[in-house]
Amino acid sequence: MRDGPVSTRVRILPPNDPRQYDDLAGEWWRPDGAFAMLHWLARARAALVPPAARPGAVLVDLGCGAGLMAPHLAGKGYRHVGVDLTRSALEQAATHGVTVVAGDATAVPLTDGCADVVAAGELLEHVPDWRRVVAEACRLLRPGGLLVVDTLNDTALARLVAVEVGERLPTVPRGIHDPRLFVDARELVVECARYGVALRVRGIRPELWGTLTWLARRTVGGAGRRPAGREPRIRPTWSTAVLYQGRGVRHG
């Protein structure tokens, strides 16, 4: 896969077409690649997961991709099980210690109550029926289990920031989102409550200065080279209008 802007390296496909992830298979673990921001989000998502409370605890990572949460879960005591449809991504996840399962997040081939934690990061805005994914995530949780999600809100501002602006950045693939699938935060809270999960949501965003300096370093260094300095952090923000996290425990 040659260097250059992400948009020149992929086929012309409909928005949100999953075949993009095969075309971009070499980008998953590049710190300055097409999925750089997913690394930042994986770190923030893993920070919501406490150390395992029992031996043999299982964390099911829905839409795990190439297993970007794995380094941030190391030492927390979970068996990390990753579920995804993209086999090229699962092959990479397996090399990072993830127990991989090829499957659809709307019909996960795992047993009821098998998980102490279910994570669904940057997934709900990519599936045709996010409510079915929520139902599956809650089915997999044992009583007292923790659900962790992050996704894009169904707002005009999210469509502007994530698609009109975000997909013009040099590290974001064009057409990776279909804004018609973005998930209203209030509806997600209500849907989780149907299954006994009291989800609490908060807005998040990449730190502004860190992101600008990261982009500047990447531009100076060129594609394919690791930008000097640390990656930008994901910070809480007062507004859920664009990007938000949810965390909730299943009762009963």
Protein backbone atom coordinates (compact mmCIF):
# COMPACT_ATOMS: atom_id res chain seq x y z
CA MET A 1 0.00 0.00 0.00
CA ARG A 2 1.65 3.21 -1.11
CA ASP A 3 1.94 6.39 0.89
CA GLY A 4 -0.18 9.40 0.15
CA PRO A 5 -3.57 10.77 1.14
CA VAL A 6 -5.91 8.10 2.42
CA SER A 7 -8.57 8.99 -0.12
CA THR A 8 -6.28 7.94 -3.01
CA ARG A 9 -5.69 4.45 -1.69
CA VAL A 10 -9.21 3.01 -1.55
CA ARG A 11 -11.84 1.97 -4.03
CA ILE A 12 -14.78 4.26 -4.67
CA LEU A 13 -17.44 2.62 -2.51
CA PRO A 14 -20.76 3.70 -1.02
CA PRO A 15 -20.56 5.48 2.35
CA ASN A 16 -19.93 3.13 5.28
CA ASP A 17 -19.23 0.15 3.02
CA PRO A 18 -17.43 -2.49 5.16
CA ARG A 19 -15.14 -3.38 2.24
CA GLN A 20 -13.22 -0.20 3.07
CA TYR A 21 -11.71 -1.97 6.07
CA ASP A 22 -10.12 -4.60 3.85
CA ASP A 23 -8.76 -1.88 1.58
CA LEU A 24 -7.32 -0.14 4.66
CA ALA A 25 -6.06 -3.26 6.40
CA GLY A 26 -2.52 -1.91 6.54
CA GLU A 27 -3.62 1.23 8.35
CA TRP A 28 -4.88 -0.22 11.65
CA TRP A 29 -1.66 -0.09 13.64
CA ARG A 30 -0.03 2.88 11.92
CA PRO A 31 0.11 5.67 14.53
CA ASP A 32 -0.31 8.32 11.82
CA GLY A 33 -2.61 6.31 9.56
CA ALA A 34 -6.26 6.33 8.61
CA PHE A 35 -7.34 4.98 11.99
CA ALA A 36 -5.17 7.18 14.20
CA MET A 37 -8.14 8.66 16.04
CA LEU A 38 -9.45 5.16 16.78
CA HIS A 39 -6.28 4.61 18.83
CA TRP A 40 -7.06 7.71 20.89
CA LEU A 41 -10.65 6.56 21.42
CA ALA A 42 -9.58 3.01 22.33
CA ARG A 43 -7.38 4.40 25.11
CA ALA A 44 -10.26 6.53 26.44
CA ARG A 45 -12.70 3.59 26.26
CA ALA A 46 -10.34 1.24 28.08
CA ALA A 47 -9.94 3.85 30.83
CA LEU A 48 -13.63 3.30 31.68
CA VAL A 49 -13.01 -0.41 32.33
CA PRO A 50 -11.97 -1.27 35.91
CA PRO A 51 -9.66 -4.17 36.77
CA ALA A 52 -11.43 -7.54 36.64
CA ALA A 53 -13.30 -8.38 39.83
CA ARG A 54 -12.96 -12.16 39.46
CA PRO A 55 -10.64 -14.75 37.92
CA GLY A 56 -11.57 -15.68 34.38
CA ALA A 57 -13.42 -12.43 33.68
CA VAL A 58 -14.34 -11.87 30.03
CA LEU A 59 -14.48 -8.62 28.07
CA VAL A 60 -16.35 -8.86 24.76
CA ASP A 61 -15.24 -6.20 22.29
CA LEU A 62 -17.95 -5.76 19.64
CA GLY A 63 -16.64 -4.38 16.37
CA CYS A 64 -13.12 -4.89 17.68
CA GLY A 65 -11.38 -4.19 14.38
CA ALA A 66 -7.69 -5.02 14.71
CA GLY A 67 -7.87 -5.06 18.52
CA LEU A 68 -6.82 -1.49 19.30
CA MET A 69 -8.08 -1.76 22.89
CA ALA A 70 -5.73 -4.64 23.66
CA PRO A 71 -2.65 -2.66 24.78
CA HIS A 72 -4.78 -0.55 27.11
CA LEU A 73 -6.46 -3.56 28.73
CA ALA A 74 -3.20 -5.36 29.44
CA GLY A 75 -2.85 -6.19 33.11
CA LYS A 76 -6.53 -5.63 33.94
CA GLY A 77 -7.22 -9.36 34.16
CA TYR A 78 -9.71 -9.94 31.33
CA ARG A 79 -9.84 -12.48 28.58
CA HIS A 80 -10.30 -10.12 25.62
CA VAL A 81 -12.76 -11.58 23.10
CA GLY A 82 -13.10 -9.59 19.89
CA VAL A 83 -16.07 -9.87 17.50
CA ASP A 84 -15.93 -8.44 13.99
CA LEU A 85 -17.01 -9.16 10.42
CA THR A 86 -13.72 -8.12 8.80
CA ARG A 87 -11.37 -11.08 8.74
CA SER A 88 -8.32 -9.03 7.75
CA ALA A 89 -8.82 -7.01 10.94
CA LEU A 90 -9.40 -10.10 13.09
CA GLU A 91 -6.14 -11.61 11.87
CA GLN A 92 -4.33 -8.59 13.26
CA ALA A 93 -6.32 -8.59 16.51
CA ALA A 94 -5.26 -12.19 17.13
CA THR A 95 -1.60 -11.19 16.97
CA HIS A 96 -2.26 -8.74 19.81
CA GLY A 97 -3.63 -11.37 22.17
CA VAL A 98 -7.33 -11.05 21.33
CA THR A 99 -9.47 -14.22 21.16
CA VAL A 100 -11.21 -13.52 17.87
CA VAL A 101 -14.74 -14.43 16.81
CA ALA A 102 -15.95 -13.83 13.25
CA GLY A 103 -19.50 -12.63 13.60
CA ASP A 104 -22.13 -9.94 13.20
CA ALA A 105 -22.69 -7.61 16.16
CA THR A 106 -26.45 -7.98 15.63
CA ALA A 107 -26.25 -11.78 16.10
CA VAL A 108 -23.18 -12.56 18.19
CA PRO A 109 -22.30 -16.28 18.37
CA LEU A 110 -21.67 -16.21 22.14
CA THR A 111 -23.81 -17.37 25.06
CA ASP A 112 -26.09 -15.26 27.24
CA GLY A 113 -24.43 -13.67 30.25
CA CYS A 114 -20.92 -14.66 29.21
CA ALA A 115 -19.34 -11.22 29.62
CA ASP A 116 -18.26 -9.17 32.60
CA VAL A 117 -17.75 -6.21 30.27
CA VAL A 118 -19.07 -5.48 26.79
CA ALA A 119 -17.43 -2.70 24.80
CA ALA A 120 -18.94 -1.28 21.62
CA GLY A 121 -16.62 1.46 20.47
CA GLU A 122 -17.19 3.43 17.27
CA LEU A 123 -19.57 0.71 16.16
CA LEU A 124 -23.17 1.82 16.60
CA GLU A 125 -22.88 4.55 13.94
CA HIS A 126 -21.78 1.95 11.39
CA VAL A 127 -24.58 -0.63 11.67
CA PRO A 128 -27.99 -0.51 9.96
CA ASP A 129 -29.85 -1.39 13.20
CA TRP A 130 -28.04 -0.13 16.30
CA ARG A 131 -30.92 -1.23 18.53
CA ARG A 132 -30.21 -4.87 17.69
CA VAL A 133 -26.57 -4.35 18.63
CA VAL A 134 -27.64 -2.88 21.98
CA ALA A 135 -29.93 -5.86 22.55
CA GLU A 136 -27.05 -8.25 21.83
CA ALA A 137 -24.62 -6.34 24.02
CA CYS A 138 -27.03 -6.46 26.95
CA ARG A 139 -27.79 -10.14 26.34
CA LEU A 140 -24.09 -10.94 26.61
CA LEU A 141 -23.70 -9.11 29.93
CA ARG A 142 -23.97 -11.01 33.18
CA PRO A 143 -25.91 -9.28 35.99
CA GLY A 144 -23.66 -6.58 37.36
CA GLY A 145 -21.73 -6.48 34.09
CA LEU A 146 -20.52 -3.23 32.56
CA LEU A 147 -21.44 -1.80 29.16
CA VAL A 148 -19.07 0.75 27.60
CA VAL A 149 -19.87 2.51 24.32
CA ASP A 150 -18.82 5.51 22.28
CA THR A 151 -20.43 6.79 19.12
CA LEU A 152 -21.54 9.84 17.13
CA ASN A 153 -24.73 11.69 17.96
CA ASP A 154 -27.54 12.15 15.45
CA THR A 155 -27.21 15.93 15.15
CA ALA A 156 -26.50 18.45 12.43
CA LEU A 157 -23.33 19.44 14.28
CA ALA A 158 -22.07 15.83 14.32
CA ARG A 159 -22.71 15.51 10.59
CA LEU A 160 -20.80 18.74 9.98
CA VAL A 161 -17.84 17.88 12.22
CA ALA A 162 -17.49 14.16 11.46
CA VAL A 163 -18.30 14.14 7.75
CA GLU A 164 -18.06 17.57 6.15
CA VAL A 165 -14.96 18.57 8.14
CA GLY A 166 -13.54 15.34 9.57
CA GLU A 167 -13.44 13.38 6.33
CA ARG A 168 -11.42 16.16 4.71
CA LEU A 169 -8.56 15.67 7.16
CA PRO A 170 -5.54 13.77 5.81
CA THR A 171 -5.92 10.92 8.32
CA VAL A 172 -9.64 10.17 7.86
CA PRO A 173 -10.92 8.04 4.95
CA ARG A 174 -13.59 9.60 2.77
CA GLY A 175 -16.95 7.86 3.02
CA ILE A 176 -16.17 6.00 6.24
CA HIS A 177 -19.43 7.27 7.77
CA ASP A 178 -23.05 7.29 6.71
CA PRO A 179 -24.58 10.12 8.76
CA ARG A 180 -28.02 8.58 8.47
CA LEU A 181 -26.83 5.94 10.96
CA PHE A 182 -25.69 8.32 13.70
CA VAL A 183 -27.22 7.53 17.11
CA ASP A 184 -29.27 9.95 19.19
CA ALA A 185 -27.82 9.90 22.72
CA ARG A 186 -31.22 10.14 24.41
CA GLU A 187 -32.59 7.22 22.40
CA LEU A 188 -29.54 5.12 23.29
CA VAL A 189 -30.10 5.73 27.01
CA VAL A 190 -33.75 4.72 26.68
CA GLU A 191 -32.90 1.59 24.69
CA CYS A 192 -30.31 0.44 27.22
CA ALA A 193 -32.80 0.96 30.05
CA ARG A 194 -35.13 -1.56 28.34
CA TYR A 195 -32.53 -4.23 29.14
CA GLY A 196 -31.76 -3.11 32.66
CA VAL A 197 -28.66 -1.05 31.85
CA ALA A 198 -28.67 2.46 33.34
CA LEU A 199 -26.40 4.14 30.81
CA ARG A 200 -24.82 7.47 31.72
CA VAL A 201 -23.46 9.48 28.82
CA ARG A 202 -20.97 12.32 28.54
CA GLY A 203 -19.56 14.27 25.64
CA ILE A 204 -15.97 13.67 24.61
CA ARG A 205 -13.59 15.27 22.12
CA PRO A 206 -9.92 15.15 21.14
CA GLU A 207 -7.89 17.81 22.95
CA LEU A 208 -7.67 20.77 20.57
CA TRP A 209 -4.05 21.84 20.95
CA GLY A 210 -2.76 18.28 21.06
CA THR A 211 -4.64 17.43 17.87
CA LEU A 212 -3.41 20.51 16.02
CA THR A 213 0.21 19.88 16.99
CA TRP A 214 -0.14 16.19 16.10
CA LEU A 215 -1.46 17.10 12.65
CA ALA A 216 1.35 19.61 12.19
CA ARG A 217 3.98 17.03 13.14
CA ARG A 218 2.43 14.51 10.78
CA THR A 219 2.42 17.03 7.92
CA VAL A 220 6.06 17.91 8.50
CA GLY A 221 7.12 14.30 8.99
CA GLY A 222 5.18 12.95 6.04
CA ALA A 223 2.83 9.98 5.81
CA GLY A 224 4.29 6.69 6.96
CA ARG A 225 6.47 8.22 9.68
CA ARG A 226 5.57 8.24 13.36
CA PRO A 227 4.85 11.80 14.52
CA ALA A 228 7.12 12.80 17.40
CA GLY A 229 5.53 13.26 20.81
CA ARG A 230 2.53 11.67 22.43
CA GLU A 231 -0.79 11.04 20.72
CA PRO A 232 -3.64 13.44 21.52
CA ARG A 233 -5.90 12.54 24.43
CA ILE A 234 -9.67 12.28 24.40
CA ARG A 235 -11.16 14.69 26.94
CA PRO A 236 -14.62 14.97 28.52
CA THR A 237 -16.67 17.93 27.33
CA TRP A 238 -19.97 19.47 28.40
CA SER A 239 -21.75 18.71 25.12
CA THR A 240 -22.80 15.34 23.71
CA ALA A 241 -23.74 16.97 20.39
CA VAL A 242 -20.93 15.33 18.39
CA LEU A 243 -19.09 12.47 20.06
CA TYR A 244 -20.10 10.81 23.32
CA GLN A 245 -19.26 7.95 25.67
CA GLY A 246 -21.70 5.82 27.64
CA ARG A 247 -21.07 3.64 30.68
CA GLY A 248 -23.67 1.57 32.53
CA VAL A 249 -24.14 -1.51 34.71
CA ARG A 250 -26.71 -4.19 33.99
CA HIS A 251 -29.04 -4.73 36.94
CA GLY A 252 -31.04 -7.87 37.50
